[in-house]
Amino acid sequence: MAKITKLLDIVGRLSDFDEEDTIYVSEPWTEDSDAMVATAPDDSIVPPKAAAEAGLTYFIEIFIAIEFTEAWVASQEEKPSLSAICQRLIEYATYDA
């Protein structure tokens, strides 16, 4: 069973998760928001029952989060903090994904 944690914790461990899974987060999205990683039912953005019962909504798929954060970090002159990476991923999920 997927457990609820903070979005910042998930972003810090993206490579630990199955790339086919999806991140679900409580709104408004912040690094301290409750979040979980779970398998999306039938490739839809509808959250699985456990996420829905916890009031979490679709955020982004793991594989997209990994691709985006790796590319963004690589484009920076200095390695950004985990907090900065999380904030940039929230912006991406909000406006560009």
PDB file of N, CA and C in Angstrom:
ATOM      1  N   MET A   1       0.852  -1.189   0.000  1.00  0.00           N
ATOM      2  CA  MET A   1       0.000   0.000   0.000  1.00  0.00           C
ATOM      3  C   MET A   1       0.891   1.244   0.000  1.00  0.00           C
ATOM      4  N   ALA A   2       0.536   2.193  -0.806  1.00  0.00           N
ATOM      5  CA  ALA A   2       1.291   3.446  -0.879  1.00  0.00           C
ATOM      6  C   ALA A   2       1.101   4.221   0.414  1.00  0.00           C
ATOM      7  N   LYS A   3       2.192   4.836   0.866  1.00  0.00           N
ATOM      8  CA  LYS A   3       2.063   5.595   2.100  1.00  0.00           C
ATOM      9  C   LYS A   3       2.145   7.081   1.804  1.00  0.00           C
ATOM     10  N   ILE A   4       1.480   7.854   2.658  1.00  0.00           N
ATOM     11  CA  ILE A   4       1.489   9.303   2.495  1.00  0.00           C
ATOM     12  C   ILE A   4       2.747   9.862   3.135  1.00  0.00           C
ATOM     13  N   THR A   5       3.407  10.732   2.401  1.00  0.00           N
ATOM     14  CA  THR A   5       4.611  11.394   2.858  1.00  0.00           C
ATOM     15  C   THR A   5       4.534  12.831   2.368  1.00  0.00           C
ATOM     16  N   LYS A   6       5.624  13.538   2.390  1.00  0.00           N
ATOM     17  CA  LYS A   6       5.653  14.921   1.886  1.00  0.00           C
ATOM     18  C   LYS A   6       6.192  14.920   0.461  1.00  0.00           C
ATOM     19  N   LEU A   7       5.721  15.856  -0.341  1.00  0.00           N
ATOM     20  CA  LEU A   7       6.177  15.938  -1.727  1.00  0.00           C
ATOM     21  C   LEU A   7       7.699  16.076  -1.796  1.00  0.00           C
ATOM     22  N   LEU A   8       8.282  16.853  -0.903  1.00  0.00           N
ATOM     23  CA  LEU A   8       9.736  17.045  -0.913  1.00  0.00           C
ATOM     24  C   LEU A   8      10.464  15.709  -0.767  1.00  0.00           C
ATOM     25  N   ASP A   9       9.949  14.826   0.084  1.00  0.00           N
ATOM     26  CA  ASP A   9      10.561  13.502   0.276  1.00  0.00           C
ATOM     27  C   ASP A   9      10.496  12.682  -1.007  1.00  0.00           C
ATOM     28  N   ILE A  10       9.368  12.731  -1.686  1.00  0.00           N
ATOM     29  CA  ILE A  10       9.227  11.977  -2.937  1.00  0.00           C
ATOM     30  C   ILE A  10      10.181  12.521  -3.994  1.00  0.00           C
ATOM     31  N   VAL A  11      10.246  13.839  -4.131  1.00  0.00           N
ATOM     32  CA  VAL A  11      11.133  14.442  -5.129  1.00  0.00           C
ATOM     33  C   VAL A  11      12.593  14.076  -4.846  1.00  0.00           C
ATOM     34  N   GLY A  12      12.944  13.963  -3.586  1.00  0.00           N
ATOM     35  CA  GLY A  12      14.305  13.591  -3.222  1.00  0.00           C
ATOM     36  C   GLY A  12      14.644  12.140  -3.512  1.00  0.00           C
ATOM     37  N   ARG A  13      13.618  11.321  -3.784  1.00  0.00           N
ATOM     38  CA  ARG A  13      13.828   9.887  -4.009  1.00  0.00           C
ATOM     39  C   ARG A  13      13.185   9.411  -5.307  1.00  0.00           C
ATOM     40  N   LEU A  14      13.078  10.270  -6.304  1.00  0.00           N
ATOM     41  CA  LEU A  14      12.377   9.908  -7.539  1.00  0.00           C
ATOM     42  C   LEU A  14      12.880   8.603  -8.143  1.00  0.00           C
ATOM     43  N   SER A  15      14.182   8.404  -8.135  1.00  0.00           N
ATOM     44  CA  SER A  15      14.743   7.203  -8.775  1.00  0.00           C
ATOM     45  C   SER A  15      14.428   5.919  -8.001  1.00  0.00           C
ATOM     46  N   ASP A  16      13.899   6.041  -6.782  1.00  0.00           N
ATOM     47  CA  ASP A  16      13.537   4.858  -5.996  1.00  0.00           C
ATOM     48  C   ASP A  16      12.200   4.254  -6.433  1.00  0.00           C
ATOM     49  N   PHE A  17      11.434   4.995  -7.219  1.00  0.00           N
ATOM     50  CA  PHE A  17      10.083   4.565  -7.568  1.00  0.00           C
ATOM     51  C   PHE A  17      10.035   3.968  -8.970  1.00  0.00           C
ATOM     52  N   ASP A  18       9.003   3.197  -9.226  1.00  0.00           N
ATOM     53  CA  ASP A  18       8.761   2.634 -10.545  1.00  0.00           C
ATOM     54  C   ASP A  18       8.401   3.790 -11.480  1.00  0.00           C
ATOM     55  N   GLU A  19       9.080   3.870 -12.616  1.00  0.00           N
ATOM     56  CA  GLU A  19       8.841   4.973 -13.545  1.00  0.00           C
ATOM     57  C   GLU A  19       7.426   4.996 -14.104  1.00  0.00           C
ATOM     58  N   GLU A  20       6.722   3.882 -13.998  1.00  0.00           N
ATOM     59  CA  GLU A  20       5.343   3.823 -14.496  1.00  0.00           C
ATOM     60  C   GLU A  20       4.348   4.410 -13.494  1.00  0.00           C
ATOM     61  N   ASP A  21       4.782   4.648 -12.270  1.00  0.00           N
ATOM     62  CA  ASP A  21       3.876   5.146 -11.240  1.00  0.00           C
ATOM     63  C   ASP A  21       3.662   6.655 -11.363  1.00  0.00           C
ATOM     64  N   THR A  22       2.733   7.158 -10.575  1.00  0.00           N
ATOM     65  CA  THR A  22       2.309   8.551 -10.634  1.00  0.00           C
ATOM     66  C   THR A  22       2.358   9.152  -9.230  1.00  0.00           C
ATOM     67  N   ILE A  23       2.659  10.448  -9.172  1.00  0.00           N
ATOM     68  CA  ILE A  23       2.648  11.169  -7.894  1.00  0.00           C
ATOM     69  C   ILE A  23       1.293  11.859  -7.755  1.00  0.00           C
ATOM     70  N   TYR A  24       0.704  11.714  -6.587  1.00  0.00           N
ATOM     71  CA  TYR A  24      -0.550  12.384  -6.229  1.00  0.00           C
ATOM     72  C   TYR A  24      -0.260  13.277  -5.031  1.00  0.00           C
ATOM     73  N   VAL A  25      -0.789  14.514  -5.039  1.00  0.00           N
ATOM     74  CA  VAL A  25      -0.439  15.504  -4.018  1.00  0.00           C
ATOM     75  C   VAL A  25      -1.681  16.278  -3.600  1.00  0.00           C
ATOM     76  N   SER A  26      -1.726  16.678  -2.327  1.00  0.00           N
ATOM     77  CA  SER A  26      -2.832  17.529  -1.860  1.00  0.00           C
ATOM     78  C   SER A  26      -2.581  18.968  -2.317  1.00  0.00           C
ATOM     79  N   GLU A  27      -3.653  19.642  -2.661  1.00  0.00           N
ATOM     80  CA  GLU A  27      -3.558  21.046  -3.084  1.00  0.00           C
ATOM     81  C   GLU A  27      -3.773  21.959  -1.886  1.00  0.00           C
ATOM     82  N   PRO A  28      -3.193  23.161  -1.893  1.00  0.00           N
ATOM     83  CA  PRO A  28      -2.279  23.681  -2.921  1.00  0.00           C
ATOM     84  C   PRO A  28      -0.928  22.970  -2.849  1.00  0.00           C
ATOM     85  N   TRP A  29      -0.307  22.796  -4.006  1.00  0.00           N
ATOM     86  CA  TRP A  29       0.943  22.068  -4.102  1.00  0.00           C
ATOM     87  C   TRP A  29       2.100  22.878  -3.538  1.00  0.00           C
ATOM     88  N   THR A  30       2.729  22.325  -2.498  1.00  0.00           N
ATOM     89  CA  THR A  30       3.947  22.901  -1.927  1.00  0.00           C
ATOM     90  C   THR A  30       4.863  21.729  -1.584  1.00  0.00           C
ATOM     91  N   GLU A  31       6.097  22.022  -1.239  1.00  0.00           N
ATOM     92  CA  GLU A  31       7.013  20.927  -0.891  1.00  0.00           C
ATOM     93  C   GLU A  31       6.561  20.186   0.358  1.00  0.00           C
ATOM     94  N   ASP A  32       5.751  20.837   1.198  1.00  0.00           N
ATOM     95  CA  ASP A  32       5.261  20.214   2.433  1.00  0.00           C
ATOM     96  C   ASP A  32       3.891  19.552   2.279  1.00  0.00           C
ATOM     97  N   SER A  33       3.346  19.570   1.056  1.00  0.00           N
ATOM     98  CA  SER A  33       2.035  18.942   0.824  1.00  0.00           C
ATOM     99  C   SER A  33       2.113  17.433   1.032  1.00  0.00           C
ATOM    100  N   ASP A  34       1.010  16.863   1.518  1.00  0.00           N
ATOM    101  CA  ASP A  34       0.910  15.410   1.603  1.00  0.00           C
ATOM    102  C   ASP A  34       0.946  14.859   0.191  1.00  0.00           C
ATOM    103  N   ALA A  35       1.647  13.747   0.026  1.00  0.00           N
ATOM    104  CA  ALA A  35       1.794  13.161  -1.302  1.00  0.00           C
ATOM    105  C   ALA A  35       1.971  11.654  -1.194  1.00  0.00           C
ATOM    106  N   MET A  36       1.714  10.981  -2.308  1.00  0.00           N
ATOM    107  CA  MET A  36       1.968   9.541  -2.377  1.00  0.00           C
ATOM    108  C   MET A  36       2.277   9.173  -3.821  1.00  0.00           C
ATOM    109  N   VAL A  37       2.992   8.074  -3.949  1.00  0.00           N
ATOM    110  CA  VAL A  37       3.270   7.507  -5.262  1.00  0.00           C
ATOM    111  C   VAL A  37       2.432   6.240  -5.376  1.00  0.00           C
ATOM    112  N   ALA A  38       1.702   6.131  -6.482  1.00  0.00           N
ATOM    113  CA  ALA A  38       0.843   4.965  -6.681  1.00  0.00           C
ATOM    114  C   ALA A  38       0.724   4.686  -8.169  1.00  0.00           C
ATOM    115  N   THR A  39       0.234   3.501  -8.477  1.00  0.00           N
ATOM    116  CA  THR A  39      -0.007   3.138  -9.861  1.00  0.00           C
ATOM    117  C   THR A  39      -1.349   3.710 -10.283  1.00  0.00           C
ATOM    118  N   ALA A  40      -1.345   4.471 -11.362  1.00  0.00           N
ATOM    119  CA  ALA A  40      -2.593   5.063 -11.853  1.00  0.00           C
ATOM    120  C   ALA A  40      -3.502   3.970 -12.401  1.00  0.00           C
ATOM    121  N   PRO A  41      -4.791   4.046 -12.108  1.00  0.00           N
ATOM    122  CA  PRO A  41      -5.703   3.050 -12.652  1.00  0.00           C
ATOM    123  C   PRO A  41      -5.895   3.264 -14.159  1.00  0.00           C
ATOM    124  N   ASP A  42      -5.590   2.244 -14.948  1.00  0.00           N
ATOM    125  CA  ASP A  42      -5.855   2.269 -16.394  1.00  0.00           C
ATOM    126  C   ASP A  42      -5.281   3.487 -17.105  1.00  0.00           C
ATOM    127  N   ASP A  43      -4.069   3.892 -16.747  1.00  0.00           N
ATOM    128  CA  ASP A  43      -3.388   4.996 -17.425  1.00  0.00           C
ATOM    129  C   ASP A  43      -4.196   6.291 -17.471  1.00  0.00           C
ATOM    130  N   SER A  44      -5.019   6.531 -16.475  1.00  0.00           N
ATOM    131  CA  SER A  44      -5.786   7.771 -16.445  1.00  0.00           C
ATOM    132  C   SER A  44      -5.205   8.685 -15.370  1.00  0.00           C
ATOM    133  N   ILE A  45      -5.666   9.931 -15.355  1.00  0.00           N
ATOM    134  CA  ILE A  45      -5.193  10.836 -14.302  1.00  0.00           C
ATOM    135  C   ILE A  45      -6.104  10.779 -13.072  1.00  0.00           C
ATOM    136  N   VAL A  46      -7.106   9.911 -13.111  1.00  0.00           N
ATOM    137  CA  VAL A  46      -7.974   9.728 -11.950  1.00  0.00           C
ATOM    138  C   VAL A  46      -7.164   9.031 -10.864  1.00  0.00           C
ATOM    139  N   PRO A  47      -7.126   9.606  -9.656  1.00  0.00           N
ATOM    140  CA  PRO A  47      -6.306   8.980  -8.614  1.00  0.00           C
ATOM    141  C   PRO A  47      -6.867   7.643  -8.155  1.00  0.00           C
ATOM    142  N   PRO A  48      -5.961   6.733  -7.758  1.00  0.00           N
ATOM    143  CA  PRO A  48      -6.446   5.476  -7.191  1.00  0.00           C
ATOM    144  C   PRO A  48      -7.194   5.751  -5.894  1.00  0.00           C
ATOM    145  N   LYS A  49      -7.955   4.779  -5.456  1.00  0.00           N
ATOM    146  CA  LYS A  49      -8.832   4.953  -4.289  1.00  0.00           C
ATOM    147  C   LYS A  49      -8.090   5.491  -3.066  1.00  0.00           C
ATOM    148  N   ALA A  50      -6.915   4.943  -2.760  1.00  0.00           N
ATOM    149  CA  ALA A  50      -6.179   5.392  -1.562  1.00  0.00           C
ATOM    150  C   ALA A  50      -5.809   6.869  -1.654  1.00  0.00           C
ATOM    151  N   ALA A  51      -5.400   7.308  -2.834  1.00  0.00           N
ATOM    152  CA  ALA A  51      -5.040   8.718  -3.017  1.00  0.00           C
ATOM    153  C   ALA A  51      -6.277   9.598  -2.930  1.00  0.00           C
ATOM    154  N   ALA A  52      -7.349   9.185  -3.572  1.00  0.00           N
ATOM    155  CA  ALA A  52      -8.593   9.960  -3.551  1.00  0.00           C
ATOM    156  C   ALA A  52      -9.131  10.092  -2.130  1.00  0.00           C
ATOM    157  N   GLU A  53      -9.083   8.990  -1.364  1.00  0.00           N
ATOM    158  CA  GLU A  53      -9.579   9.026   0.021  1.00  0.00           C
ATOM    159  C   GLU A  53      -8.750   9.964   0.884  1.00  0.00           C
ATOM    160  N   ALA A  54      -7.467  10.147   0.526  1.00  0.00           N
ATOM    161  CA  ALA A  54      -6.594  11.053   1.283  1.00  0.00           C
ATOM    162  C   ALA A  54      -6.692  12.489   0.770  1.00  0.00           C
ATOM    163  N   GLY A  55      -7.549  12.723  -0.232  1.00  0.00           N
ATOM    164  CA  GLY A  55      -7.732  14.062  -0.765  1.00  0.00           C
ATOM    165  C   GLY A  55      -6.608  14.500  -1.700  1.00  0.00           C
ATOM    166  N   LEU A  56      -5.917  13.529  -2.288  1.00  0.00           N
ATOM    167  CA  LEU A  56      -4.802  13.853  -3.174  1.00  0.00           C
ATOM    168  C   LEU A  56      -5.268  13.871  -4.621  1.00  0.00           C
ATOM    169  N   THR A  57      -4.643  14.744  -5.422  1.00  0.00           N
ATOM    170  CA  THR A  57      -4.974  14.849  -6.834  1.00  0.00           C
ATOM    171  C   THR A  57      -3.744  14.530  -7.681  1.00  0.00           C
ATOM    172  N   TYR A  58      -3.979  14.238  -8.936  1.00  0.00           N
ATOM    173  CA  TYR A  58      -2.897  13.949  -9.885  1.00  0.00           C
ATOM    174  C   TYR A  58      -1.879  15.089  -9.880  1.00  0.00           C
ATOM    175  N   PHE A  59      -0.590  14.739  -9.856  1.00  0.00           N
ATOM    176  CA  PHE A  59       0.489  15.734  -9.910  1.00  0.00           C
ATOM    177  C   PHE A  59       1.316  15.531 -11.174  1.00  0.00           C
ATOM    178  N   ILE A  60       2.009  14.399 -11.280  1.00  0.00           N
ATOM    179  CA  ILE A  60       2.842  14.123 -12.457  1.00  0.00           C
ATOM    180  C   ILE A  60       3.312  12.669 -12.389  1.00  0.00           C
ATOM    181  N   GLU A  61       3.601  12.098 -13.556  1.00  0.00           N
ATOM    182  CA  GLU A  61       4.131  10.735 -13.577  1.00  0.00           C
ATOM    183  C   GLU A  61       5.600  10.756 -13.161  1.00  0.00           C
ATOM    184  N   ILE A  62       6.049   9.662 -12.551  1.00  0.00           N
ATOM    185  CA  ILE A  62       7.444   9.555 -12.095  1.00  0.00           C
ATOM    186  C   ILE A  62       8.418   9.756 -13.255  1.00  0.00           C
ATOM    187  N   PHE A  63       8.182   9.082 -14.399  1.00  0.00           N
ATOM    188  CA  PHE A  63       9.161   9.188 -15.483  1.00  0.00           C
ATOM    189  C   PHE A  63       9.286  10.617 -16.004  1.00  0.00           C
ATOM    190  N   ILE A  64       8.192  11.359 -16.031  1.00  0.00           N
ATOM    191  CA  ILE A  64       8.256  12.759 -16.477  1.00  0.00           C
ATOM    192  C   ILE A  64       8.992  13.594 -15.430  1.00  0.00           C
ATOM    193  N   ALA A  65       8.701  13.352 -14.157  1.00  0.00           N
ATOM    194  CA  ALA A  65       9.373  14.101 -13.083  1.00  0.00           C
ATOM    195  C   ALA A  65      10.884  13.872 -13.130  1.00  0.00           C
ATOM    196  N   ILE A  66      11.299  12.625 -13.370  1.00  0.00           N
ATOM    197  CA  ILE A  66      12.730  12.314 -13.443  1.00  0.00           C
ATOM    198  C   ILE A  66      13.362  13.019 -14.639  1.00  0.00           C
ATOM    199  N   GLU A  67      12.747  12.881 -15.820  1.00  0.00           N
ATOM    200  CA  GLU A  67      13.296  13.516 -17.021  1.00  0.00           C
ATOM    201  C   GLU A  67      13.404  15.024 -16.849  1.00  0.00           C
ATOM    202  N   PHE A  68      12.345  15.635 -16.322  1.00  0.00           N
ATOM    203  CA  PHE A  68      12.342  17.088 -16.168  1.00  0.00           C
ATOM    204  C   PHE A  68      13.380  17.554 -15.157  1.00  0.00           C
ATOM    205  N   THR A  69      13.404  16.926 -13.972  1.00  0.00           N
ATOM    206  CA  THR A  69      14.332  17.401 -12.939  1.00  0.00           C
ATOM    207  C   THR A  69      15.784  17.162 -13.344  1.00  0.00           C
ATOM    208  N   GLU A  70      16.072  16.020 -13.981  1.00  0.00           N
ATOM    209  CA  GLU A  70      17.455  15.774 -14.416  1.00  0.00           C
ATOM    210  C   GLU A  70      17.897  16.814 -15.441  1.00  0.00           C
ATOM    211  N   ALA A  71      17.022  17.131 -16.396  1.00  0.00           N
ATOM    212  CA  ALA A  71      17.369  18.130 -17.417  1.00  0.00           C
ATOM    213  C   ALA A  71      17.527  19.513 -16.797  1.00  0.00           C
ATOM    214  N   TRP A  72      16.632  19.872 -15.878  1.00  0.00           N
ATOM    215  CA  TRP A  72      16.701  21.190 -15.260  1.00  0.00           C
ATOM    216  C   TRP A  72      17.959  21.321 -14.400  1.00  0.00           C
ATOM    217  N   VAL A  73      18.248  20.314 -13.592  1.00  0.00           N
ATOM    218  CA  VAL A  73      19.446  20.350 -12.743  1.00  0.00           C
ATOM    219  C   VAL A  73      20.702  20.456 -13.618  1.00  0.00           C
ATOM    220  N   ALA A  74      20.731  19.707 -14.719  1.00  0.00           N
ATOM    221  CA  ALA A  74      21.890  19.740 -15.615  1.00  0.00           C
ATOM    222  C   ALA A  74      22.080  21.107 -16.260  1.00  0.00           C
ATOM    223  N   SER A  75      20.998  21.875 -16.391  1.00  0.00           N
ATOM    224  CA  SER A  75      21.085  23.190 -17.026  1.00  0.00           C
ATOM    225  C   SER A  75      21.552  24.287 -16.069  1.00  0.00           C
ATOM    226  N   GLN A  76      21.633  23.971 -14.792  1.00  0.00           N
ATOM    227  CA  GLN A  76      22.020  24.963 -13.788  1.00  0.00           C
ATOM    228  C   GLN A  76      23.544  24.964 -13.604  1.00  0.00           C
ATOM    229  N   GLU A  77      24.099  26.140 -13.310  1.00  0.00           N
ATOM    230  CA  GLU A  77      25.547  26.224 -13.094  1.00  0.00           C
ATOM    231  C   GLU A  77      25.961  25.515 -11.809  1.00  0.00           C
ATOM    232  N   GLU A  78      25.133  25.627 -10.783  1.00  0.00           N
ATOM    233  CA  GLU A  78      25.400  24.946  -9.514  1.00  0.00           C
ATOM    234  C   GLU A  78      24.217  24.040  -9.226  1.00  0.00           C
ATOM    235  N   LYS A  79      24.485  22.924  -8.539  1.00  0.00           N
ATOM    236  CA  LYS A  79      23.396  21.996  -8.223  1.00  0.00           C
ATOM    237  C   LYS A  79      22.406  22.689  -7.286  1.00  0.00           C
ATOM    238  N   PRO A  80      21.147  22.791  -7.706  1.00  0.00           N
ATOM    239  CA  PRO A  80      20.157  23.443  -6.848  1.00  0.00           C
ATOM    240  C   PRO A  80      19.820  22.589  -5.624  1.00  0.00           C
ATOM    241  N   SER A  81      19.289  23.234  -4.610  1.00  0.00           N
ATOM    242  CA  SER A  81      18.859  22.517  -3.408  1.00  0.00           C
ATOM    243  C   SER A  81      17.646  21.647  -3.744  1.00  0.00           C
ATOM    244  N   LEU A  82      17.395  20.666  -2.916  1.00  0.00           N
ATOM    245  CA  LEU A  82      16.225  19.814  -3.094  1.00  0.00           C
ATOM    246  C   LEU A  82      14.958  20.664  -3.069  1.00  0.00           C
ATOM    247  N   SER A  83      14.922  21.648  -2.206  1.00  0.00           N
ATOM    248  CA  SER A  83      13.767  22.539  -2.125  1.00  0.00           C
ATOM    249  C   SER A  83      13.561  23.280  -3.445  1.00  0.00           C
ATOM    250  N   ALA A  84      14.642  23.773  -4.049  1.00  0.00           N
ATOM    251  CA  ALA A  84      14.550  24.480  -5.332  1.00  0.00           C
ATOM    252  C   ALA A  84      14.090  23.538  -6.437  1.00  0.00           C
ATOM    253  N   ILE A  85      14.590  22.297  -6.428  1.00  0.00           N
ATOM    254  CA  ILE A  85      14.179  21.305  -7.416  1.00  0.00           C
ATOM    255  C   ILE A  85      12.680  21.024  -7.274  1.00  0.00           C
ATOM    256  N   CYS A  86      12.231  20.859  -6.052  1.00  0.00           N
ATOM    257  CA  CYS A  86      10.817  20.586  -5.789  1.00  0.00           C
ATOM    258  C   CYS A  86       9.956  21.754  -6.265  1.00  0.00           C
ATOM    259  N   GLN A  87      10.371  22.972  -5.958  1.00  0.00           N
ATOM    260  CA  GLN A  87       9.613  24.152  -6.362  1.00  0.00           C
ATOM    261  C   GLN A  87       9.525  24.245  -7.882  1.00  0.00           C
ATOM    262  N   ARG A  88      10.635  23.979  -8.567  1.00  0.00           N
ATOM    263  CA  ARG A  88      10.636  24.047 -10.036  1.00  0.00           C
ATOM    264  C   ARG A  88       9.740  22.961 -10.621  1.00  0.00           C
ATOM    265  N   LEU A  89       9.717  21.773 -10.007  1.00  0.00           N
ATOM    266  CA  LEU A  89       8.842  20.705 -10.484  1.00  0.00           C
ATOM    267  C   LEU A  89       7.374  21.085 -10.275  1.00  0.00           C
ATOM    268  N   ILE A  90       7.050  21.728  -9.167  1.00  0.00           N
ATOM    269  CA  ILE A  90       5.678  22.204  -8.928  1.00  0.00           C
ATOM    270  C   ILE A  90       5.288  23.196 -10.025  1.00  0.00           C
ATOM    271  N   GLU A  91       6.188  24.127 -10.342  1.00  0.00           N
ATOM    272  CA  GLU A  91       5.907  25.103 -11.404  1.00  0.00           C
ATOM    273  C   GLU A  91       5.673  24.380 -12.726  1.00  0.00           C
ATOM    274  N   TYR A  92       6.517  23.397 -13.021  1.00  0.00           N
ATOM    275  CA  TYR A  92       6.381  22.643 -14.262  1.00  0.00           C
ATOM    276  C   TYR A  92       5.029  21.910 -14.301  1.00  0.00           C
ATOM    277  N   ALA A  93       4.707  21.220 -13.215  1.00  0.00           N
ATOM    278  CA  ALA A  93       3.450  20.457 -13.171  1.00  0.00           C
ATOM    279  C   ALA A  93       2.236  21.385 -13.260  1.00  0.00           C
ATOM    280  N   THR A  94       2.356  22.577 -12.719  1.00  0.00           N
ATOM    281  CA  THR A  94       1.251  23.530 -12.723  1.00  0.00           C
ATOM    282  C   THR A  94       1.033  24.164 -14.089  1.00  0.00           C
ATOM    283  N   TYR A  95       2.118  24.584 -14.713  1.00  0.00           N
ATOM    284  CA  TYR A  95       1.991  25.401 -15.922  1.00  0.00           C
ATOM    285  C   TYR A  95       2.359  24.733 -17.233  1.00  0.00           C
ATOM    286  N   ASP A  96       3.195  23.699 -17.209  1.00  0.00           N
ATOM    287  CA  ASP A  96       3.733  23.163 -18.454  1.00  0.00           C
ATOM    288  C   ASP A  96       3.421  21.712 -18.745  1.00  0.00           C
ATOM    289  N   ALA A  97       3.118  20.936 -17.734  1.00  0.00           N
ATOM    290  CA  ALA A  97       2.929  19.487 -17.951  1.00  0.00           C
ATOM    291  C   ALA A  97       1.604  19.204 -18.653  1.00  0.00           C
TER     292      ALA A  97
END
